[in-house]
Amino acid sequence: MIDRQLITRKISLILEDLAAMTRLSQLSREQYLEDPINEALAERYLGACPILA
């Protein structure tokens, strides 16, 4: 049996992570590389999205 609430919650979390990735994607290469946190965030967001991982 599929738990619709669980699926809806997971999709909601994935959408939040993809929205955050959109913000990172708007940085220039130089801006992205300036702060090592950006790479950690990108890895976290991509790892949280099973479709992209």
Protein backbone atom coordinates (compact mmCIF):
# COMPACT_ATOMS: atom_id res chain seq x y z
CA MET A 1 0.00 0.00 0.00
CA ILE A 2 1.32 3.44 -0.93
CA ASP A 3 1.33 6.05 1.83
CA ARG A 4 0.19 9.17 -0.01
CA GLN A 5 1.14 11.45 2.90
CA LEU A 6 4.69 10.11 2.95
CA ILE A 7 5.09 10.49 -0.81
CA THR A 8 3.69 14.03 -0.70
CA ARG A 9 6.05 14.97 2.14
CA LYS A 10 9.09 13.52 0.33
CA ILE A 11 8.22 15.37 -2.88
CA SER A 12 7.80 18.58 -0.90
CA LEU A 13 11.28 18.16 0.62
CA ILE A 14 12.81 17.44 -2.79
CA LEU A 15 11.18 20.57 -4.24
CA GLU A 16 12.65 22.67 -1.42
CA ASP A 17 16.12 21.28 -2.16
CA LEU A 18 15.73 21.93 -5.89
CA ALA A 19 14.68 25.52 -5.16
CA ALA A 20 17.86 25.95 -3.11
CA MET A 21 19.88 24.49 -6.00
CA THR A 22 18.33 27.08 -8.29
CA ARG A 23 19.77 29.81 -6.08
CA LEU A 24 23.21 28.17 -6.24
CA SER A 25 22.96 27.85 -10.02
CA GLN A 26 22.58 31.61 -10.34
CA LEU A 27 26.06 32.20 -8.92
CA SER A 28 28.91 32.79 -11.32
CA ARG A 29 31.65 30.17 -11.33
CA GLU A 30 33.87 32.55 -9.36
CA GLN A 31 31.16 33.26 -6.78
CA TYR A 32 30.45 29.55 -6.39
CA LEU A 33 34.12 28.70 -5.88
CA GLU A 34 34.70 31.61 -3.45
CA ASP A 35 32.86 29.85 -0.65
CA PRO A 36 33.51 26.14 0.04
CA ILE A 37 30.09 25.94 1.69
CA ASN A 38 28.51 26.16 -1.78
CA GLU A 39 29.98 22.81 -2.81
CA ALA A 40 28.85 21.18 0.43
CA LEU A 41 25.35 22.57 -0.06
CA ALA A 42 25.18 21.38 -3.66
CA GLU A 43 26.27 17.88 -2.63
CA ARG A 44 23.70 17.84 0.17
CA TYR A 45 20.89 18.99 -2.09
CA LEU A 46 21.76 16.53 -4.86
CA GLY A 47 22.17 13.69 -2.36
CA ALA A 48 18.74 14.43 -0.94
CA CYS A 49 17.14 14.07 -4.35
CA PRO A 50 17.08 10.37 -5.30
CA ILE A 51 16.20 11.21 -8.89
CA LEU A 52 19.45 13.17 -9.28
CA ALA A 53 21.70 11.10 -7.03
